[in-house]
Each structure stands twice: as C-alpha cells, then as structure tokens.
Amino acid sequence: MKVGFIGLGRMGQGIAGRVLSAGHDLLVHDPFPGQTTALERAGAIATDSPAACSADRDLVISMLPSDAALSAVLQGETGLLQGMPKECMHVAMGTHGVRAVNDAEQAHNNAGQTFIVCPVLGRPDLAAKGLLTLVPGGSPEAIERLRPLLDVMGKQTIDVGKTPQAATAVKVASNFLLGCAIENMGEAFALVEKLGVDPGLFLAVMLKGLFGAPAYEVYGKMIVNEIWDSHGATAVIGLKDADLALEAAEVAGMPLPSTHVWRNHLEKAIDRGEGALDWAVMAREQALRSGLDK
C-alpha cells in the first residue's frame, strides 16, 4: 500500500517502522527537524507538509500528541482538508478528545474525505514489535481497506463501532481505567508498607490472585521498584489523558469522580518537576502523602 505517516514521536516511530519493514511505500512528515531521519535511512521519503504526505497515497496516518496538533495538520493551505486527495483516507491513531474528533470528522465529511479513528492500546516499546491492540472506529468499508496494515501494526484488532467517536470513547475510557489502576496500586502499596508488609510481596500476591493482568504487572513492578524514568506516557501526557476523560464525561453528561484523584497526583508531581517521568510517578505522590520516604 502507499502510506503517508504524520507525527513521529516514540509511538509514531515504532508504528511507521512496522509499516516500512512490511514493504509498504512510505512518505513521512513531522514538524520537528530530525524526527524523520531514522525512517529515511530505512527507505521512507520525507515530505514538507501534511498535504504532501498524502499525495498519491491510499491512506495517511496521523499519530499526534494533542488536539491542537491534529487541528494544525488539518487546517491551512498545506493541511489535509485542503490538500488530501479524496481517494485517500485519514486514519487518526493519536489520543484525542471527543470534541476534537467529532470536529475533524465533520470537517473531513464537508471536504468529501474519509476519516476513521484507530487508537492504540500499549506502550511505545510494544509498538516497535507490532504488539499493540488496535481499536478502530468508522466506516466498516474504510476499516476493511485498512485491514492489511492493521495486521502489521498490532497483535489484535477490535472493531469498536461505526463512528470515530466510538473509538475515541474506548481509548479515553481505557486510559481512564489505567490511570485509576495506577493510582489505586499506589494507595494499596502504601497501605501495606505502612503496616509492615513488603510491597513486592504484596505485588506477587496481587498478580497471582485477583489482578493477574499485564497492566498491573508492568505498572506494579514500576511502582514497587520505583522506576520512574519515562518509557511510556509521561506525567504530562497522563494529565492530558485525565483532562480528555473529564471532557468526555462532560459531553456524555455524567460525573467521573475518580479522575480527579489521579489528576491531582499528577499535578503535584509535575509541580515538583517530574513531568517528564512516567505517569506511574503518581503512585510516588501517594507514598509521600502517606509519610513514606520515596
């Protein structure tokens, strides 16, 4: 397939690398100098704008860090809305808010273009290995056209609905659950440690008992071993995810009270200068509040 790829941060690098290694024709674009270098060495061709990255393509993928970045890629004379051919489709794989995705869908519809959302579940290290879970939402026909790439980019694909909003809801809710899980583990580990139990022992009990799942294992070990260096989402990105969850709840007309707890922990960590650390650092905030020396 002829593919364009916009946004080459850690996650984008891994996914684009998978596309290229599978033999697909790849154009790449990133507003920051140097981000395309590794992929160019591997055979990709760099372009100077989003529109150019969509030229003569079957699809163009965006993996962007924010709603503002998505808007910037869409708008303007060199944006996708003006320059993307109608036979090309835009696949947004970044984590975006419900309102931003709905606005992007409407704008693409007005331009006679196809837009689907396909968020990913997993960390950047899994992206490079093709071990992500993909949750596309949009036109079934468009998703079927994307199927050959889905099999390359992830280990499994779960179609979650016929609208981009459906996929966005699943991604935002998944990040909400993960944030709650990390914060809850921080509370539980602090509790047992305050009562004289080795947190590592409690983690073993937890994983062999009620919570034997990859997210608990990965983040539980990070918390117990105090590994705060960023290998996945940072505290800053985690704060963004909390805000997206609260925005989604506002759109849905419902409360989401648990979000405020871990959002507050992340704000405190960022205020201490820990914004670039993994968002698991929210558990350290809980430990500090519990009187533990971390």
C-alpha atoms as a PDB file:
ATOM      1  CA  MET A   1       0.000   0.000   0.000  1.00  0.00           C
ATOM      2  CA  LYS A   2       1.004   3.632  -0.435  1.00  0.00           C
ATOM      3  CA  VAL A   3       1.033   5.143   3.045  1.00  0.00           C
ATOM      4  CA  GLY A   4       1.703   8.581   4.482  1.00  0.00           C
ATOM      5  CA  PHE A   5       2.640   8.957   8.161  1.00  0.00           C
ATOM      6  CA  ILE A   6       2.455  12.231  10.103  1.00  0.00           C
ATOM      7  CA  GLY A   7       3.795  12.514  13.659  1.00  0.00           C
ATOM      8  CA  LEU A   8       6.964  10.621  14.503  1.00  0.00           C
ATOM      9  CA  GLY A   9       7.308  10.681  18.255  1.00  0.00           C
ATOM     10  CA  ARG A  10       8.134   7.479  20.116  1.00  0.00           C
ATOM     11  CA  MET A  11       4.866   5.768  19.276  1.00  0.00           C
ATOM     12  CA  GLY A  12       4.837   7.027  15.703  1.00  0.00           C
ATOM     13  CA  GLN A  13       8.409   5.862  15.096  1.00  0.00           C
ATOM     14  CA  GLY A  14       7.535   2.328  16.159  1.00  0.00           C
ATOM     15  CA  ILE A  15       4.350   2.077  14.109  1.00  0.00           C
ATOM     16  CA  ALA A  16       5.831   3.702  10.993  1.00  0.00           C
ATOM     17  CA  GLY A  17       8.808   1.371  11.260  1.00  0.00           C
ATOM     18  CA  ARG A  18       6.465  -1.601  11.202  1.00  0.00           C
ATOM     19  CA  VAL A  19       4.704  -0.271   8.103  1.00  0.00           C
ATOM     20  CA  LEU A  20       8.010   0.285   6.309  1.00  0.00           C
ATOM     21  CA  SER A  21       9.500  -3.079   7.286  1.00  0.00           C
ATOM     22  CA  ALA A  22       6.429  -4.818   5.861  1.00  0.00           C
ATOM     23  CA  GLY A  23       7.321  -3.458   2.427  1.00  0.00           C
ATOM     24  CA  HIS A  24       4.798  -0.635   2.108  1.00  0.00           C
ATOM     25  CA  ASP A  25       5.652   2.589   0.234  1.00  0.00           C
ATOM     26  CA  LEU A  26       6.021   5.225   2.964  1.00  0.00           C
ATOM     27  CA  LEU A  27       6.031   9.032   2.981  1.00  0.00           C
ATOM     28  CA  VAL A  28       6.687  10.690   6.345  1.00  0.00           C
ATOM     29  CA  HIS A  29       6.248  14.149   7.832  1.00  0.00           C
ATOM     30  CA  ASP A  30       6.968  15.736  11.192  1.00  0.00           C
ATOM     31  CA  PRO A  31       7.207  19.436  12.044  1.00  0.00           C
ATOM     32  CA  PHE A  32      10.314  18.862  14.186  1.00  0.00           C
ATOM     33  CA  PRO A  33      13.662  18.540  12.360  1.00  0.00           C
ATOM     34  CA  GLY A  34      15.376  15.177  12.666  1.00  0.00           C
ATOM     35  CA  GLN A  35      12.295  13.142  13.515  1.00  0.00           C
ATOM     36  CA  THR A  36      12.177  11.554  10.067  1.00  0.00           C
ATOM     37  CA  THR A  37      15.914  10.766   9.791  1.00  0.00           C
ATOM     38  CA  ALA A  38      15.872   7.150  11.009  1.00  0.00           C
ATOM     39  CA  LEU A  39      12.956   6.239   8.781  1.00  0.00           C
ATOM     40  CA  GLU A  40      14.550   7.952   5.774  1.00  0.00           C
ATOM     41  CA  ARG A  41      17.638   5.811   6.285  1.00  0.00           C
ATOM     42  CA  ALA A  42      15.366   2.774   6.233  1.00  0.00           C
ATOM     43  CA  GLY A  43      13.768   3.800   2.938  1.00  0.00           C
ATOM     44  CA  ALA A  44      10.981   6.273   3.721  1.00  0.00           C
ATOM     45  CA  ILE A  45      10.728   9.594   1.884  1.00  0.00           C
ATOM     46  CA  ALA A  46      10.269  12.797   3.897  1.00  0.00           C
ATOM     47  CA  THR A  47       7.788  15.486   2.828  1.00  0.00           C
ATOM     48  CA  ASP A  48       7.465  19.126   3.815  1.00  0.00           C
ATOM     49  CA  SER A  49       3.759  19.283   4.689  1.00  0.00           C
ATOM     50  CA  PRO A  50       0.745  17.172   5.696  1.00  0.00           C
ATOM     51  CA  ALA A  51      -0.800  17.635   2.243  1.00  0.00           C
ATOM     52  CA  ALA A  52       2.383  16.462   0.533  1.00  0.00           C
ATOM     53  CA  CYS A  53       2.448  13.435   2.817  1.00  0.00           C
ATOM     54  CA  SER A  54      -0.993  12.439   1.491  1.00  0.00           C
ATOM     55  CA  ALA A  55      -0.176  12.866  -2.198  1.00  0.00           C
ATOM     56  CA  ASP A  56      -0.814   9.733  -4.271  1.00  0.00           C
ATOM     57  CA  ARG A  57      -1.470   7.765  -1.065  1.00  0.00           C
ATOM     58  CA  ASP A  58      -4.055   5.094  -0.245  1.00  0.00           C
ATOM     59  CA  LEU A  59      -4.158   6.482   3.283  1.00  0.00           C
ATOM     60  CA  VAL A  60      -2.355   8.865   5.594  1.00  0.00           C
ATOM     61  CA  ILE A  61      -1.903   8.022   9.269  1.00  0.00           C
ATOM     62  CA  SER A  62      -1.511  10.676  11.956  1.00  0.00           C
ATOM     63  CA  MET A  63      -0.031   9.888  15.363  1.00  0.00           C
ATOM     64  CA  LEU A  64      -0.196  13.283  17.046  1.00  0.00           C
ATOM     65  CA  PRO A  65       0.295  14.312  20.684  1.00  0.00           C
ATOM     66  CA  SER A  66      -2.645  16.672  21.128  1.00  0.00           C
ATOM     67  CA  ASP A  67      -5.890  18.036  19.741  1.00  0.00           C
ATOM     68  CA  ALA A  68      -4.071  21.234  18.797  1.00  0.00           C
ATOM     69  CA  ALA A  69      -1.562  19.241  16.745  1.00  0.00           C
ATOM     70  CA  LEU A  70      -4.420  17.438  14.983  1.00  0.00           C
ATOM     71  CA  SER A  71      -6.052  20.759  14.123  1.00  0.00           C
ATOM     72  CA  ALA A  72      -2.762  22.109  12.775  1.00  0.00           C
ATOM     73  CA  VAL A  73      -2.365  19.096  10.478  1.00  0.00           C
ATOM     74  CA  LEU A  74      -5.909  19.510   9.168  1.00  0.00           C
ATOM     75  CA  GLN A  75      -6.036  23.270   8.654  1.00  0.00           C
ATOM     76  CA  GLY A  76      -4.293  25.702   6.324  1.00  0.00           C
ATOM     77  CA  GLU A  77      -3.219  25.673   2.695  1.00  0.00           C
ATOM     78  CA  THR A  78      -0.879  22.727   3.258  1.00  0.00           C
ATOM     79  CA  GLY A  79      -3.229  20.850   5.612  1.00  0.00           C
ATOM     80  CA  LEU A  80      -5.092  17.644   4.907  1.00  0.00           C
ATOM     81  CA  LEU A  81      -8.504  19.279   4.489  1.00  0.00           C
ATOM     82  CA  GLN A  82      -7.221  21.361   1.593  1.00  0.00           C
ATOM     83  CA  GLY A  83      -4.675  19.002   0.114  1.00  0.00           C
ATOM     84  CA  MET A  84      -5.607  15.362   0.775  1.00  0.00           C
ATOM     85  CA  PRO A  85      -6.945  13.603  -2.356  1.00  0.00           C
ATOM     86  CA  LYS A  86     -10.487  12.273  -1.973  1.00  0.00           C
ATOM     87  CA  GLU A  87      -9.344   8.746  -2.756  1.00  0.00           C
ATOM     88  CA  CYS A  88      -7.000   8.900   0.243  1.00  0.00           C
ATOM     89  CA  MET A  89      -8.323   8.420   3.785  1.00  0.00           C
ATOM     90  CA  HIS A  90      -7.081   9.892   7.060  1.00  0.00           C
ATOM     91  CA  VAL A  91      -6.513   7.459   9.921  1.00  0.00           C
ATOM     92  CA  ALA A  92      -6.005   9.260  13.250  1.00  0.00           C
ATOM     93  CA  MET A  93      -4.170   6.966  15.696  1.00  0.00           C
ATOM     94  CA  GLY A  94      -3.274   9.501  18.379  1.00  0.00           C
ATOM     95  CA  THR A  95      -5.212  10.024  21.594  1.00  0.00           C
ATOM     96  CA  HIS A  96      -7.676  12.852  21.035  1.00  0.00           C
ATOM     97  CA  GLY A  97     -10.734  14.286  22.724  1.00  0.00           C
ATOM     98  CA  VAL A  98     -14.314  13.562  21.755  1.00  0.00           C
ATOM     99  CA  ARG A  99     -14.959  17.139  20.615  1.00  0.00           C
ATOM    100  CA  ALA A 100     -11.774  17.299  18.509  1.00  0.00           C
ATOM    101  CA  VAL A 101     -12.556  14.003  16.801  1.00  0.00           C
ATOM    102  CA  ASN A 102     -16.144  14.981  16.084  1.00  0.00           C
ATOM    103  CA  ASP A 103     -14.964  18.301  14.646  1.00  0.00           C
ATOM    104  CA  ALA A 104     -12.376  16.509  12.485  1.00  0.00           C
ATOM    105  CA  GLU A 105     -14.988  14.052  11.228  1.00  0.00           C
ATOM    106  CA  GLN A 106     -17.338  16.875  10.255  1.00  0.00           C
ATOM    107  CA  ALA A 107     -14.559  18.786   8.508  1.00  0.00           C
ATOM    108  CA  HIS A 108     -13.490  15.734   6.519  1.00  0.00           C
ATOM    109  CA  ASN A 109     -17.100  14.978   5.605  1.00  0.00           C
ATOM    110  CA  ASN A 110     -17.546  18.546   4.368  1.00  0.00           C
ATOM    111  CA  ALA A 111     -14.438  18.107   2.212  1.00  0.00           C
ATOM    112  CA  GLY A 112     -15.722  14.808   0.802  1.00  0.00           C
ATOM    113  CA  GLN A 113     -12.942  12.872   2.540  1.00  0.00           C
ATOM    114  CA  THR A 114     -12.883   9.638   4.554  1.00  0.00           C
ATOM    115  CA  PHE A 115     -11.856   9.799   8.210  1.00  0.00           C
ATOM    116  CA  ILE A 116     -11.521   6.990  10.719  1.00  0.00           C
ATOM    117  CA  VAL A 117     -10.044   6.849  14.203  1.00  0.00           C
ATOM    118  CA  CYS A 118      -7.844   3.932  15.229  1.00  0.00           C
ATOM    119  CA  PRO A 119      -6.309   4.497  18.673  1.00  0.00           C
ATOM    120  CA  VAL A 120      -3.762   2.074  20.058  1.00  0.00           C
ATOM    121  CA  LEU A 121      -3.536   0.363  23.428  1.00  0.00           C
ATOM    122  CA  GLY A 122       0.029  -0.257  24.549  1.00  0.00           C
ATOM    123  CA  ARG A 123       3.354   1.444  25.204  1.00  0.00           C
ATOM    124  CA  PRO A 124       5.946   2.590  22.618  1.00  0.00           C
ATOM    125  CA  ASP A 125       8.159  -0.462  23.162  1.00  0.00           C
ATOM    126  CA  LEU A 126       5.260  -2.678  22.079  1.00  0.00           C
ATOM    127  CA  ALA A 127       4.609  -0.523  19.007  1.00  0.00           C
ATOM    128  CA  ALA A 128       8.010  -1.343  17.537  1.00  0.00           C
ATOM    129  CA  LYS A 129       7.297  -5.061  17.979  1.00  0.00           C
ATOM    130  CA  GLY A 130       3.803  -4.964  16.480  1.00  0.00           C
ATOM    131  CA  LEU A 131       2.222  -5.941  19.793  1.00  0.00           C
ATOM    132  CA  LEU A 132      -0.306  -3.133  20.153  1.00  0.00           C
ATOM    133  CA  THR A 133      -4.050  -3.618  20.404  1.00  0.00           C
ATOM    134  CA  LEU A 134      -5.859  -1.519  17.797  1.00  0.00           C
ATOM    135  CA  VAL A 135      -9.412  -0.244  18.272  1.00  0.00           C
ATOM    136  CA  PRO A 136     -10.690   1.320  15.020  1.00  0.00           C
ATOM    137  CA  GLY A 137     -13.989   3.144  14.673  1.00  0.00           C
ATOM    138  CA  GLY A 138     -15.555   4.451  11.483  1.00  0.00           C
ATOM    139  CA  SER A 139     -16.894   3.258   8.167  1.00  0.00           C
ATOM    140  CA  PRO A 140     -16.694  -0.572   8.024  1.00  0.00           C
ATOM    141  CA  GLU A 141     -15.667  -0.335   4.380  1.00  0.00           C
ATOM    142  CA  ALA A 142     -12.818   2.036   5.225  1.00  0.00           C
ATOM    143  CA  ILE A 143     -11.647  -0.157   8.103  1.00  0.00           C
ATOM    144  CA  GLU A 144     -11.650  -3.164   5.772  1.00  0.00           C
ATOM    145  CA  ARG A 145      -9.404  -1.238   3.364  1.00  0.00           C
ATOM    146  CA  LEU A 146      -7.070  -0.639   6.294  1.00  0.00           C
ATOM    147  CA  ARG A 147      -7.001  -4.312   7.350  1.00  0.00           C
ATOM    148  CA  PRO A 148      -3.626  -5.245   5.739  1.00  0.00           C
ATOM    149  CA  LEU A 149      -1.925  -2.506   7.755  1.00  0.00           C
ATOM    150  CA  LEU A 150      -3.777  -3.322  10.963  1.00  0.00           C
ATOM    151  CA  ASP A 151      -2.304  -6.821  10.843  1.00  0.00           C
ATOM    152  CA  VAL A 152       1.179  -5.287  10.575  1.00  0.00           C
ATOM    153  CA  MET A 153       0.795  -2.610  13.238  1.00  0.00           C
ATOM    154  CA  GLY A 154      -0.789  -4.644  16.041  1.00  0.00           C
ATOM    155  CA  LYS A 155      -1.232  -8.092  17.504  1.00  0.00           C
ATOM    156  CA  GLN A 156      -5.009  -7.794  17.543  1.00  0.00           C
ATOM    157  CA  THR A 157      -7.706  -5.518  16.209  1.00  0.00           C
ATOM    158  CA  ILE A 158     -11.086  -4.969  17.849  1.00  0.00           C
ATOM    159  CA  ASP A 159     -13.588  -3.018  15.750  1.00  0.00           C
ATOM    160  CA  VAL A 160     -15.473  -0.877  18.247  1.00  0.00           C
ATOM    161  CA  GLY A 161     -18.089   0.956  16.216  1.00  0.00           C
ATOM    162  CA  LYS A 162     -19.126   2.693  13.010  1.00  0.00           C
ATOM    163  CA  THR A 163     -18.131   6.183  14.142  1.00  0.00           C
ATOM    164  CA  PRO A 164     -14.805   7.814  15.043  1.00  0.00           C
ATOM    165  CA  GLN A 165     -16.402   8.850  18.355  1.00  0.00           C
ATOM    166  CA  ALA A 166     -16.831   5.193  19.331  1.00  0.00           C
ATOM    167  CA  ALA A 167     -13.103   4.511  19.019  1.00  0.00           C
ATOM    168  CA  THR A 168     -12.311   7.739  20.859  1.00  0.00           C
ATOM    169  CA  ALA A 169     -14.608   6.768  23.720  1.00  0.00           C
ATOM    170  CA  VAL A 170     -12.929   3.369  24.042  1.00  0.00           C
ATOM    171  CA  LYS A 171      -9.442   4.898  24.084  1.00  0.00           C
ATOM    172  CA  VAL A 172     -10.291   7.655  26.555  1.00  0.00           C
ATOM    173  CA  ALA A 173     -12.106   5.215  28.846  1.00  0.00           C
ATOM    174  CA  SER A 174      -9.170   2.770  28.664  1.00  0.00           C
ATOM    175  CA  ASN A 175      -6.727   5.477  29.731  1.00  0.00           C
ATOM    176  CA  PHE A 176      -9.131   6.486  32.482  1.00  0.00           C
ATOM    177  CA  LEU A 177      -9.186   2.912  33.804  1.00  0.00           C
ATOM    178  CA  LEU A 178      -5.406   2.626  33.627  1.00  0.00           C
ATOM    179  CA  GLY A 179      -4.959   5.910  35.483  1.00  0.00           C
ATOM    180  CA  CYS A 180      -7.320   4.674  38.190  1.00  0.00           C
ATOM    181  CA  ALA A 181      -5.453   1.354  38.395  1.00  0.00           C
ATOM    182  CA  ILE A 182      -2.059   3.021  38.830  1.00  0.00           C
ATOM    183  CA  GLU A 183      -3.410   5.372  41.490  1.00  0.00           C
ATOM    184  CA  ASN A 184      -5.183   2.511  43.290  1.00  0.00           C
ATOM    185  CA  MET A 185      -1.992   0.446  43.319  1.00  0.00           C
ATOM    186  CA  GLY A 186      -0.142   3.417  44.775  1.00  0.00           C
ATOM    187  CA  GLU A 187      -2.677   3.542  47.613  1.00  0.00           C
ATOM    188  CA  ALA A 188      -2.589  -0.225  48.199  1.00  0.00           C
ATOM    189  CA  PHE A 189       1.209  -0.466  48.185  1.00  0.00           C
ATOM    190  CA  ALA A 190       1.491   2.473  50.561  1.00  0.00           C
ATOM    191  CA  LEU A 191      -1.086   0.894  52.876  1.00  0.00           C
ATOM    192  CA  VAL A 192       0.649  -2.479  53.173  1.00  0.00           C
ATOM    193  CA  GLU A 193       4.076  -0.864  53.545  1.00  0.00           C
ATOM    194  CA  LYS A 194       2.798   1.357  56.362  1.00  0.00           C
ATOM    195  CA  LEU A 195       1.519  -1.813  58.053  1.00  0.00           C
ATOM    196  CA  GLY A 196       4.833  -3.655  57.745  1.00  0.00           C
ATOM    197  CA  VAL A 197       4.364  -5.686  54.562  1.00  0.00           C
ATOM    198  CA  ASP A 198       6.929  -5.714  51.743  1.00  0.00           C
ATOM    199  CA  PRO A 199       5.190  -4.115  48.711  1.00  0.00           C
ATOM    200  CA  GLY A 200       6.985  -6.601  46.442  1.00  0.00           C
ATOM    201  CA  LEU A 201       5.404  -9.471  48.323  1.00  0.00           C
ATOM    202  CA  PHE A 202       2.002  -7.840  48.050  1.00  0.00           C
ATOM    203  CA  LEU A 203       2.525  -7.390  44.310  1.00  0.00           C
ATOM    204  CA  ALA A 204       3.202 -11.119  43.954  1.00  0.00           C
ATOM    205  CA  VAL A 205       0.009 -11.900  45.854  1.00  0.00           C
ATOM    206  CA  MET A 206      -1.915  -9.408  43.741  1.00  0.00           C
ATOM    207  CA  LEU A 207      -0.683 -10.809  40.426  1.00  0.00           C
ATOM    208  CA  LYS A 208      -1.292 -14.423  41.415  1.00  0.00           C
ATOM    209  CA  GLY A 209      -4.672 -13.618  42.910  1.00  0.00           C
ATOM    210  CA  LEU A 210      -7.275 -11.152  41.716  1.00  0.00           C
ATOM    211  CA  PHE A 211      -5.255  -8.909  39.398  1.00  0.00           C
ATOM    212  CA  GLY A 212      -3.115 -11.064  37.098  1.00  0.00           C
ATOM    213  CA  ALA A 213      -3.191  -8.716  34.104  1.00  0.00           C
ATOM    214  CA  PRO A 214      -0.371  -7.094  32.060  1.00  0.00           C
ATOM    215  CA  ALA A 215      -1.197  -3.546  33.162  1.00  0.00           C
ATOM    216  CA  TYR A 216      -0.995  -4.473  36.843  1.00  0.00           C
ATOM    217  CA  GLU A 217       2.215  -6.418  36.305  1.00  0.00           C
ATOM    218  CA  VAL A 218       4.006  -3.706  34.290  1.00  0.00           C
ATOM    219  CA  TYR A 219       2.968  -0.743  36.408  1.00  0.00           C
ATOM    220  CA  GLY A 220       3.037  -2.671  39.676  1.00  0.00           C
ATOM    221  CA  LYS A 221       6.702  -3.516  39.156  1.00  0.00           C
ATOM    222  CA  MET A 222       7.459   0.078  38.228  1.00  0.00           C
ATOM    223  CA  ILE A 223       5.875   1.315  41.448  1.00  0.00           C
ATOM    224  CA  VAL A 224       7.444  -1.295  43.727  1.00  0.00           C
ATOM    225  CA  ASN A 225      10.901  -0.809  42.228  1.00  0.00           C
ATOM    226  CA  GLU A 226      10.448   2.970  41.976  1.00  0.00           C
ATOM    227  CA  ILE A 227      11.248   3.018  38.265  1.00  0.00           C
ATOM    228  CA  TRP A 228      10.029   6.450  37.284  1.00  0.00           C
ATOM    229  CA  ASP A 229      12.080   7.024  34.136  1.00  0.00           C
ATOM    230  CA  SER A 230       9.734   7.542  31.211  1.00  0.00           C
ATOM    231  CA  HIS A 231       9.340   4.528  28.955  1.00  0.00           C
ATOM    232  CA  GLY A 232       5.712   5.202  28.068  1.00  0.00           C
ATOM    233  CA  ALA A 233       3.299   8.013  28.828  1.00  0.00           C
ATOM    234  CA  THR A 234       4.804  10.826  30.884  1.00  0.00           C
ATOM    235  CA  ALA A 235       3.106  12.606  33.762  1.00  0.00           C
ATOM    236  CA  VAL A 236       2.348  15.481  31.373  1.00  0.00           C
ATOM    237  CA  ILE A 237       0.671  13.111  28.917  1.00  0.00           C
ATOM    238  CA  GLY A 238      -1.187  11.457  31.788  1.00  0.00           C
ATOM    239  CA  LEU A 239      -2.553  14.837  32.815  1.00  0.00           C
ATOM    240  CA  LYS A 240      -3.758  15.341  29.245  1.00  0.00           C
ATOM    241  CA  ASP A 241      -5.490  11.951  29.403  1.00  0.00           C
ATOM    242  CA  ALA A 242      -7.207  12.924  32.635  1.00  0.00           C
ATOM    243  CA  ASP A 243      -8.475  16.113  31.022  1.00  0.00           C
ATOM    244  CA  LEU A 244      -9.726  14.169  27.984  1.00  0.00           C
ATOM    245  CA  ALA A 245     -11.618  11.818  30.291  1.00  0.00           C
ATOM    246  CA  LEU A 246     -13.261  14.740  32.073  1.00  0.00           C
ATOM    247  CA  GLU A 247     -14.124  16.341  28.730  1.00  0.00           C
ATOM    248  CA  ALA A 248     -15.700  13.082  27.523  1.00  0.00           C
ATOM    249  CA  ALA A 249     -17.724  12.864  30.721  1.00  0.00           C
ATOM    250  CA  GLU A 250     -18.916  16.430  30.184  1.00  0.00           C
ATOM    251  CA  VAL A 251     -20.021  15.568  26.638  1.00  0.00           C
ATOM    252  CA  ALA A 252     -21.787  12.477  27.977  1.00  0.00           C
ATOM    253  CA  GLY A 253     -23.441  14.498  30.751  1.00  0.00           C
ATOM    254  CA  MET A 254     -22.128  12.399  33.657  1.00  0.00           C
ATOM    255  CA  PRO A 255     -19.651  12.632  36.532  1.00  0.00           C
ATOM    256  CA  LEU A 256     -16.277  10.856  36.502  1.00  0.00           C
ATOM    257  CA  PRO A 257     -15.127  11.446  40.075  1.00  0.00           C
ATOM    258  CA  SER A 258     -12.201   9.007  40.224  1.00  0.00           C
ATOM    259  CA  THR A 259     -10.363  11.037  37.602  1.00  0.00           C
ATOM    260  CA  HIS A 260      -9.864  13.948  39.975  1.00  0.00           C
ATOM    261  CA  VAL A 261      -7.808  11.833  42.410  1.00  0.00           C
ATOM    262  CA  TRP A 262      -5.104  10.746  39.984  1.00  0.00           C
ATOM    263  CA  ARG A 263      -5.228  14.031  38.123  1.00  0.00           C
ATOM    264  CA  ASN A 264      -4.388  15.794  41.374  1.00  0.00           C
ATOM    265  CA  HIS A 265      -1.468  13.401  41.994  1.00  0.00           C
ATOM    266  CA  LEU A 266      -0.106  14.103  38.512  1.00  0.00           C
ATOM    267  CA  GLU A 267      -0.401  17.869  39.003  1.00  0.00           C
ATOM    268  CA  LYS A 268       1.618  17.625  42.216  1.00  0.00           C
ATOM    269  CA  ALA A 269       4.280  15.505  40.503  1.00  0.00           C
ATOM    270  CA  ILE A 270       4.529  17.991  37.629  1.00  0.00           C
ATOM    271  CA  ASP A 271       4.793  20.871  40.110  1.00  0.00           C
ATOM    272  CA  ARG A 272       7.809  19.069  41.628  1.00  0.00           C
ATOM    273  CA  GLY A 273       9.470  18.984  38.206  1.00  0.00           C
ATOM    274  CA  GLU A 274       8.593  15.347  37.476  1.00  0.00           C
ATOM    275  CA  GLY A 275       6.529  15.977  34.352  1.00  0.00           C
ATOM    276  CA  ALA A 276       8.909  14.014  32.096  1.00  0.00           C
ATOM    277  CA  LEU A 277       8.798  10.914  34.310  1.00  0.00           C
ATOM    278  CA  ASP A 278       6.444   8.035  33.596  1.00  0.00           C
ATOM    279  CA  TRP A 279       2.915   8.747  34.777  1.00  0.00           C
ATOM    280  CA  ALA A 280       3.332   5.866  37.230  1.00  0.00           C
ATOM    281  CA  VAL A 281       5.027   8.556  39.348  1.00  0.00           C
ATOM    282  CA  MET A 282       1.522   9.411  40.589  1.00  0.00           C
ATOM    283  CA  ALA A 283       1.993   6.443  42.955  1.00  0.00           C
ATOM    284  CA  ARG A 284       5.028   8.189  44.443  1.00  0.00           C
ATOM    285  CA  GLU A 285       2.830  11.152  45.259  1.00  0.00           C
ATOM    286  CA  GLN A 286       0.511   8.817  47.185  1.00  0.00           C
ATOM    287  CA  ALA A 287       3.502   7.346  49.070  1.00  0.00           C
ATOM    288  CA  LEU A 288       4.736  10.817  50.010  1.00  0.00           C
ATOM    289  CA  ARG A 289       1.300  11.795  51.278  1.00  0.00           C
ATOM    290  CA  SER A 290       1.315   8.603  53.328  1.00  0.00           C
ATOM    291  CA  GLY A 291       4.522   9.605  55.096  1.00  0.00           C
ATOM    292  CA  LEU A 292       6.796   7.165  53.292  1.00  0.00           C
ATOM    293  CA  ASP A 293      10.306   8.174  52.256  1.00  0.00           C
ATOM    294  CA  LYS A 294      10.347   7.876  48.457  1.00  0.00           C
END
